[in-house]
Amino acid sequence: MPLITNEWQVLFLVWILFQWELDESIHLHVLLLLLYQELLHVLLDVKQIVDLFLSQDLRAKGQSQVDSFYGA
């Protein structure tokens, strides 16, 4: 189960983080730790979408080459 399930929860965590009186350099590190798993999910989803797009694009190009070879 991901730590964060939607954009509002992300914004809420960011808001909470910046309410803390931490040194500025710590803010980003804490935020990244909070969001680490969610960022991985997002990156993996993006990779899957790109892979799917590329595989469909390559299939379409391959089919068009086959069609042009056989004169379809």
PDB file of N, CA and C in Angstrom:
ATOM      1  N   MET A   1       0.847  -1.181   0.000  1.00  0.00           N
ATOM      2  CA  MET A   1       0.000   0.000   0.000  1.00  0.00           C
ATOM      3  C   MET A   1       0.891   1.242   0.000  1.00  0.00           C
ATOM      4  N   PRO A   2       0.739   2.099  -1.002  1.00  0.00           N
ATOM      5  CA  PRO A   2       1.602   3.280  -1.071  1.00  0.00           C
ATOM      6  C   PRO A   2       1.327   4.260   0.066  1.00  0.00           C
ATOM      7  N   LEU A   3       2.361   4.974   0.431  1.00  0.00           N
ATOM      8  CA  LEU A   3       2.248   5.977   1.487  1.00  0.00           C
ATOM      9  C   LEU A   3       1.279   7.088   1.088  1.00  0.00           C
ATOM     10  N   ILE A   4       1.330   7.472  -0.154  1.00  0.00           N
ATOM     11  CA  ILE A   4       0.523   8.591  -0.639  1.00  0.00           C
ATOM     12  C   ILE A   4      -0.323   8.095  -1.798  1.00  0.00           C
ATOM     13  N   THR A   5      -1.612   8.400  -1.761  1.00  0.00           N
ATOM     14  CA  THR A   5      -2.486   7.878  -2.803  1.00  0.00           C
ATOM     15  C   THR A   5      -2.986   8.934  -3.769  1.00  0.00           C
ATOM     16  N   ASN A   6      -2.839  10.194  -3.459  1.00  0.00           N
ATOM     17  CA  ASN A   6      -3.273  11.219  -4.413  1.00  0.00           C
ATOM     18  C   ASN A   6      -2.519  12.527  -4.188  1.00  0.00           C
ATOM     19  N   GLU A   7      -2.766  13.474  -5.090  1.00  0.00           N
ATOM     20  CA  GLU A   7      -2.029  14.737  -5.078  1.00  0.00           C
ATOM     21  C   GLU A   7      -2.286  15.553  -3.814  1.00  0.00           C
ATOM     22  N   TRP A   8      -3.507  15.492  -3.291  1.00  0.00           N
ATOM     23  CA  TRP A   8      -3.826  16.270  -2.092  1.00  0.00           C
ATOM     24  C   TRP A   8      -3.020  15.796  -0.897  1.00  0.00           C
ATOM     25  N   GLN A   9      -2.812  14.507  -0.797  1.00  0.00           N
ATOM     26  CA  GLN A   9      -2.006  13.998   0.305  1.00  0.00           C
ATOM     27  C   GLN A   9      -0.555  14.442   0.160  1.00  0.00           C
ATOM     28  N   VAL A  10      -0.075  14.499  -1.063  1.00  0.00           N
ATOM     29  CA  VAL A  10       1.290  14.995  -1.298  1.00  0.00           C
ATOM     30  C   VAL A  10       1.388  16.447  -0.846  1.00  0.00           C
ATOM     31  N   LEU A  11       0.428  17.257  -1.265  1.00  0.00           N
ATOM     32  CA  LEU A  11       0.446  18.669  -0.876  1.00  0.00           C
ATOM     33  C   LEU A  11       0.351  18.834   0.638  1.00  0.00           C
ATOM     34  N   PHE A  12      -0.462  18.002   1.268  1.00  0.00           N
ATOM     35  CA  PHE A  12      -0.591  18.070   2.721  1.00  0.00           C
ATOM     36  C   PHE A  12       0.729  17.731   3.405  1.00  0.00           C
ATOM     37  N   LEU A  13       1.409  16.689   2.927  1.00  0.00           N
ATOM     38  CA  LEU A  13       2.706  16.332   3.506  1.00  0.00           C
ATOM     39  C   LEU A  13       3.732  17.440   3.316  1.00  0.00           C
ATOM     40  N   VAL A  14       3.725  18.047   2.147  1.00  0.00           N
ATOM     41  CA  VAL A  14       4.656  19.151   1.891  1.00  0.00           C
ATOM     42  C   VAL A  14       4.345  20.315   2.827  1.00  0.00           C
ATOM     43  N   TRP A  15       3.070  20.619   2.986  1.00  0.00           N
ATOM     44  CA  TRP A  15       2.667  21.711   3.879  1.00  0.00           C
ATOM     45  C   TRP A  15       3.129  21.438   5.310  1.00  0.00           C
ATOM     46  N   ILE A  16       2.899  20.213   5.785  1.00  0.00           N
ATOM     47  CA  ILE A  16       3.334  19.837   7.137  1.00  0.00           C
ATOM     48  C   ILE A  16       4.852  19.968   7.262  1.00  0.00           C
ATOM     49  N   LEU A  17       5.546  19.470   6.255  1.00  0.00           N
ATOM     50  CA  LEU A  17       7.003  19.513   6.287  1.00  0.00           C
ATOM     51  C   LEU A  17       7.522  20.937   6.447  1.00  0.00           C
ATOM     52  N   PHE A  18       6.949  21.878   5.715  1.00  0.00           N
ATOM     53  CA  PHE A  18       7.449  23.243   5.768  1.00  0.00           C
ATOM     54  C   PHE A  18       6.914  24.034   6.960  1.00  0.00           C
ATOM     55  N   GLN A  19       6.017  23.441   7.727  1.00  0.00           N
ATOM     56  CA  GLN A  19       5.607  24.060   8.988  1.00  0.00           C
ATOM     57  C   GLN A  19       6.649  23.800  10.072  1.00  0.00           C
ATOM     58  N   TRP A  20       7.373  22.723   9.921  1.00  0.00           N
ATOM     59  CA  TRP A  20       8.408  22.407  10.897  1.00  0.00           C
ATOM     60  C   TRP A  20       9.509  23.448  10.826  1.00  0.00           C
ATOM     61  N   GLU A  21      10.122  23.691  11.942  1.00  0.00           N
ATOM     62  CA  GLU A  21      11.211  24.657  11.975  1.00  0.00           C
ATOM     63  C   GLU A  21      12.534  23.920  11.835  1.00  0.00           C
ATOM     64  N   LEU A  22      12.772  23.460  10.649  1.00  0.00           N
ATOM     65  CA  LEU A  22      13.999  22.733  10.341  1.00  0.00           C
ATOM     66  C   LEU A  22      14.930  23.624   9.552  1.00  0.00           C
ATOM     67  N   ASP A  23      16.154  23.240   9.553  1.00  0.00           N
ATOM     68  CA  ASP A  23      17.120  23.888   8.684  1.00  0.00           C
ATOM     69  C   ASP A  23      16.663  23.666   7.241  1.00  0.00           C
ATOM     70  N   GLU A  24      16.837  24.667   6.381  1.00  0.00           N
ATOM     71  CA  GLU A  24      16.371  24.574   4.994  1.00  0.00           C
ATOM     72  C   GLU A  24      16.934  23.365   4.254  1.00  0.00           C
ATOM     73  N   SER A  25      18.163  23.006   4.544  1.00  0.00           N
ATOM     74  CA  SER A  25      18.784  21.888   3.825  1.00  0.00           C
ATOM     75  C   SER A  25      18.150  20.552   4.196  1.00  0.00           C
ATOM     76  N   ILE A  26      17.478  20.499   5.350  1.00  0.00           N
ATOM     77  CA  ILE A  26      16.869  19.245   5.786  1.00  0.00           C
ATOM     78  C   ILE A  26      15.512  19.032   5.112  1.00  0.00           C
ATOM     79  N   HIS A  27      14.826  20.112   4.755  1.00  0.00           N
ATOM     80  CA  HIS A  27      13.483  20.005   4.180  1.00  0.00           C
ATOM     81  C   HIS A  27      13.426  19.035   3.006  1.00  0.00           C
ATOM     82  N   LEU A  28      14.297  19.217   2.050  1.00  0.00           N
ATOM     83  CA  LEU A  28      14.275  18.381   0.855  1.00  0.00           C
ATOM     84  C   LEU A  28      14.558  16.926   1.188  1.00  0.00           C
ATOM     85  N   HIS A  29      15.496  16.679   2.074  1.00  0.00           N
ATOM     86  CA  HIS A  29      15.831  15.301   2.437  1.00  0.00           C
ATOM     87  C   HIS A  29      14.657  14.602   3.113  1.00  0.00           C
ATOM     88  N   VAL A  30      13.994  15.297   4.019  1.00  0.00           N
ATOM     89  CA  VAL A  30      12.838  14.706   4.701  1.00  0.00           C
ATOM     90  C   VAL A  30      11.711  14.471   3.708  1.00  0.00           C
ATOM     91  N   LEU A  31      11.485  15.431   2.839  1.00  0.00           N
ATOM     92  CA  LEU A  31      10.440  15.284   1.826  1.00  0.00           C
ATOM     93  C   LEU A  31      10.715  14.083   0.933  1.00  0.00           C
ATOM     94  N   LEU A  32      11.939  13.935   0.495  1.00  0.00           N
ATOM     95  CA  LEU A  32      12.281  12.796  -0.357  1.00  0.00           C
ATOM     96  C   LEU A  32      12.110  11.476   0.378  1.00  0.00           C
ATOM     97  N   LEU A  33      12.448  11.451   1.658  1.00  0.00           N
ATOM     98  CA  LEU A  33      12.233  10.228   2.438  1.00  0.00           C
ATOM     99  C   LEU A  33      10.750   9.902   2.561  1.00  0.00           C
ATOM    100  N   LEU A  34       9.933  10.928   2.773  1.00  0.00           N
ATOM    101  CA  LEU A  34       8.488  10.713   2.876  1.00  0.00           C
ATOM    102  C   LEU A  34       7.897  10.217   1.564  1.00  0.00           C
ATOM    103  N   LEU A  35       8.420  10.730   0.469  1.00  0.00           N
ATOM    104  CA  LEU A  35       7.834  10.438  -0.837  1.00  0.00           C
ATOM    105  C   LEU A  35       8.554   9.339  -1.598  1.00  0.00           C
ATOM    106  N   TYR A  36       9.601   8.771  -1.022  1.00  0.00           N
ATOM    107  CA  TYR A  36      10.469   7.844  -1.748  1.00  0.00           C
ATOM    108  C   TYR A  36       9.698   6.716  -2.430  1.00  0.00           C
ATOM    109  N   GLN A  37       8.863   6.007  -1.677  1.00  0.00           N
ATOM    110  CA  GLN A  37       8.143   4.881  -2.273  1.00  0.00           C
ATOM    111  C   GLN A  37       7.163   5.353  -3.330  1.00  0.00           C
ATOM    112  N   GLU A  38       6.494   6.467  -3.063  1.00  0.00           N
ATOM    113  CA  GLU A  38       5.541   6.977  -4.046  1.00  0.00           C
ATOM    114  C   GLU A  38       6.271   7.411  -5.311  1.00  0.00           C
ATOM    115  N   LEU A  39       7.438   8.028  -5.154  1.00  0.00           N
ATOM    116  CA  LEU A  39       8.213   8.417  -6.330  1.00  0.00           C
ATOM    117  C   LEU A  39       8.615   7.196  -7.145  1.00  0.00           C
ATOM    118  N   LEU A  40       8.966   6.115  -6.470  1.00  0.00           N
ATOM    119  CA  LEU A  40       9.301   4.886  -7.187  1.00  0.00           C
ATOM    120  C   LEU A  40       8.106   4.371  -7.969  1.00  0.00           C
ATOM    121  N   HIS A  41       6.923   4.403  -7.345  1.00  0.00           N
ATOM    122  CA  HIS A  41       5.717   3.958  -8.046  1.00  0.00           C
ATOM    123  C   HIS A  41       5.458   4.816  -9.280  1.00  0.00           C
ATOM    124  N   VAL A  42       5.614   6.126  -9.129  1.00  0.00           N
ATOM    125  CA  VAL A  42       5.383   7.034 -10.253  1.00  0.00           C
ATOM    126  C   VAL A  42       6.379   6.761 -11.366  1.00  0.00           C
ATOM    127  N   LEU A  43       7.657   6.626 -11.012  1.00  0.00           N
ATOM    128  CA  LEU A  43       8.677   6.369 -12.032  1.00  0.00           C
ATOM    129  C   LEU A  43       8.434   5.044 -12.737  1.00  0.00           C
ATOM    130  N   LEU A  44       8.044   4.023 -11.988  1.00  0.00           N
ATOM    131  CA  LEU A  44       7.761   2.732 -12.607  1.00  0.00           C
ATOM    132  C   LEU A  44       6.547   2.817 -13.513  1.00  0.00           C
ATOM    133  N   ASP A  45       5.515   3.572 -13.091  1.00  0.00           N
ATOM    134  CA  ASP A  45       4.340   3.752 -13.939  1.00  0.00           C
ATOM    135  C   ASP A  45       4.713   4.469 -15.225  1.00  0.00           C
ATOM    136  N   VAL A  46       5.539   5.509 -15.122  1.00  0.00           N
ATOM    137  CA  VAL A  46       5.973   6.244 -16.312  1.00  0.00           C
ATOM    138  C   VAL A  46       6.756   5.320 -17.232  1.00  0.00           C
ATOM    139  N   LYS A  47       7.644   4.508 -16.670  1.00  0.00           N
ATOM    140  CA  LYS A  47       8.425   3.578 -17.484  1.00  0.00           C
ATOM    141  C   LYS A  47       7.509   2.581 -18.183  1.00  0.00           C
ATOM    142  N   GLN A  48       6.503   2.073 -17.481  1.00  0.00           N
ATOM    143  CA  GLN A  48       5.580   1.121 -18.094  1.00  0.00           C
ATOM    144  C   GLN A  48       4.789   1.774 -19.218  1.00  0.00           C
ATOM    145  N   ILE A  49       4.372   3.026 -19.017  1.00  0.00           N
ATOM    146  CA  ILE A  49       3.630   3.742 -20.056  1.00  0.00           C
ATOM    147  C   ILE A  49       4.513   3.955 -21.277  1.00  0.00           C
ATOM    148  N   VAL A  50       5.753   4.371 -21.048  1.00  0.00           N
ATOM    149  CA  VAL A  50       6.680   4.589 -22.168  1.00  0.00           C
ATOM    150  C   VAL A  50       6.952   3.275 -22.890  1.00  0.00           C
ATOM    151  N   ASP A  51       7.185   2.202 -22.128  1.00  0.00           N
ATOM    152  CA  ASP A  51       7.424   0.898 -22.747  1.00  0.00           C
ATOM    153  C   ASP A  51       6.226   0.455 -23.574  1.00  0.00           C
ATOM    154  N   LEU A  52       5.023   0.659 -23.041  1.00  0.00           N
ATOM    155  CA  LEU A  52       3.811   0.282 -23.767  1.00  0.00           C
ATOM    156  C   LEU A  52       3.690   1.100 -25.044  1.00  0.00           C
ATOM    157  N   PHE A  53       3.926   2.408 -24.941  1.00  0.00           N
ATOM    158  CA  PHE A  53       3.847   3.280 -26.104  1.00  0.00           C
ATOM    159  C   PHE A  53       4.859   2.857 -27.164  1.00  0.00           C
ATOM    160  N   LEU A  54       6.095   2.595 -26.734  1.00  0.00           N
ATOM    161  CA  LEU A  54       7.134   2.199 -27.684  1.00  0.00           C
ATOM    162  C   LEU A  54       6.814   0.858 -28.325  1.00  0.00           C
ATOM    163  N   SER A  55       6.303  -0.083 -27.543  1.00  0.00           N
ATOM    164  CA  SER A  55       5.988  -1.392 -28.112  1.00  0.00           C
ATOM    165  C   SER A  55       4.850  -1.278 -29.119  1.00  0.00           C
ATOM    166  N   GLN A  56       3.846  -0.436 -28.837  1.00  0.00           N
ATOM    167  CA  GLN A  56       2.752  -0.251 -29.786  1.00  0.00           C
ATOM    168  C   GLN A  56       3.246   0.474 -31.025  1.00  0.00           C
ATOM    169  N   ASP A  57       4.110   1.466 -30.825  1.00  0.00           N
ATOM    170  CA  ASP A  57       4.663   2.217 -31.945  1.00  0.00           C
ATOM    171  C   ASP A  57       5.497   1.302 -32.837  1.00  0.00           C
ATOM    172  N   LEU A  58       6.324   0.453 -32.227  1.00  0.00           N
ATOM    173  CA  LEU A  58       7.150  -0.472 -33.005  1.00  0.00           C
ATOM    174  C   LEU A  58       6.285  -1.493 -33.736  1.00  0.00           C
ATOM    175  N   ARG A  59       5.212  -1.965 -33.065  1.00  0.00           N
ATOM    176  CA  ARG A  59       4.304  -2.902 -33.730  1.00  0.00           C
ATOM    177  C   ARG A  59       3.642  -2.248 -34.932  1.00  0.00           C
ATOM    178  N   ALA A  60       3.215  -0.988 -34.768  1.00  0.00           N
ATOM    179  CA  ALA A  60       2.563  -0.277 -35.866  1.00  0.00           C
ATOM    180  C   ALA A  60       3.538  -0.081 -37.026  1.00  0.00           C
ATOM    181  N   LYS A  61       4.788   0.274 -36.712  1.00  0.00           N
ATOM    182  CA  LYS A  61       5.791   0.446 -37.770  1.00  0.00           C
ATOM    183  C   LYS A  61       6.079  -0.879 -38.459  1.00  0.00           C
ATOM    184  N   GLY A  62       6.178  -1.935 -37.669  1.00  0.00           N
ATOM    185  CA  GLY A  62       6.424  -3.254 -38.247  1.00  0.00           C
ATOM    186  C   GLY A  62       5.284  -3.685 -39.145  1.00  0.00           C
ATOM    187  N   GLN A  63       4.042  -3.435 -38.713  1.00  0.00           N
ATOM    188  CA  GLN A  63       2.883  -3.804 -39.524  1.00  0.00           C
ATOM    189  C   GLN A  63       2.852  -2.994 -40.810  1.00  0.00           C
ATOM    190  N   SER A  64       3.194  -1.695 -40.740  1.00  0.00           N
ATOM    191  CA  SER A  64       3.188  -0.875 -41.954  1.00  0.00           C
ATOM    192  C   SER A  64       4.274  -1.337 -42.921  1.00  0.00           C
ATOM    193  N   GLN A  65       5.411  -1.808 -42.402  1.00  0.00           N
ATOM    194  CA  GLN A  65       6.454  -2.335 -43.282  1.00  0.00           C
ATOM    195  C   GLN A  65       6.004  -3.632 -43.937  1.00  0.00           C
ATOM    196  N   VAL A  66       5.310  -4.478 -43.183  1.00  0.00           N
ATOM    197  CA  VAL A  66       4.787  -5.726 -43.748  1.00  0.00           C
ATOM    198  C   VAL A  66       3.751  -5.410 -44.807  1.00  0.00           C
ATOM    199  N   ASP A  67       2.857  -4.458 -44.509  1.00  0.00           N
ATOM    200  CA  ASP A  67       1.821  -4.079 -45.470  1.00  0.00           C
ATOM    201  C   ASP A  67       2.440  -3.528 -46.751  1.00  0.00           C
ATOM    202  N   SER A  68       3.466  -2.687 -46.622  1.00  0.00           N
ATOM    203  CA  SER A  68       4.089  -2.118 -47.817  1.00  0.00           C
ATOM    204  C   SER A  68       4.844  -3.189 -48.603  1.00  0.00           C
ATOM    205  N   PHE A  69       5.406  -4.173 -47.912  1.00  0.00           N
ATOM    206  CA  PHE A  69       6.117  -5.251 -48.588  1.00  0.00           C
ATOM    207  C   PHE A  69       5.154  -6.095 -49.422  1.00  0.00           C
ATOM    208  N   TYR A  70       3.979  -6.383 -48.866  1.00  0.00           N
ATOM    209  CA  TYR A  70       2.997  -7.210 -49.568  1.00  0.00           C
ATOM    210  C   TYR A  70       2.026  -6.387 -50.401  1.00  0.00           C
ATOM    211  N   GLY A  71       2.205  -5.071 -50.430  1.00  0.00           N
ATOM    212  CA  GLY A  71       1.375  -4.208 -51.259  1.00  0.00           C
ATOM    213  C   GLY A  71      -0.037  -4.029 -50.738  1.00  0.00           C
ATOM    214  N   ALA A  72      -0.224  -4.130 -49.444  1.00  0.00           N
ATOM    215  CA  ALA A  72      -1.576  -3.979 -48.875  1.00  0.00           C
ATOM    216  C   ALA A  72      -1.939  -2.527 -48.711  1.00  0.00           C
TER     217      ALA A  72
END
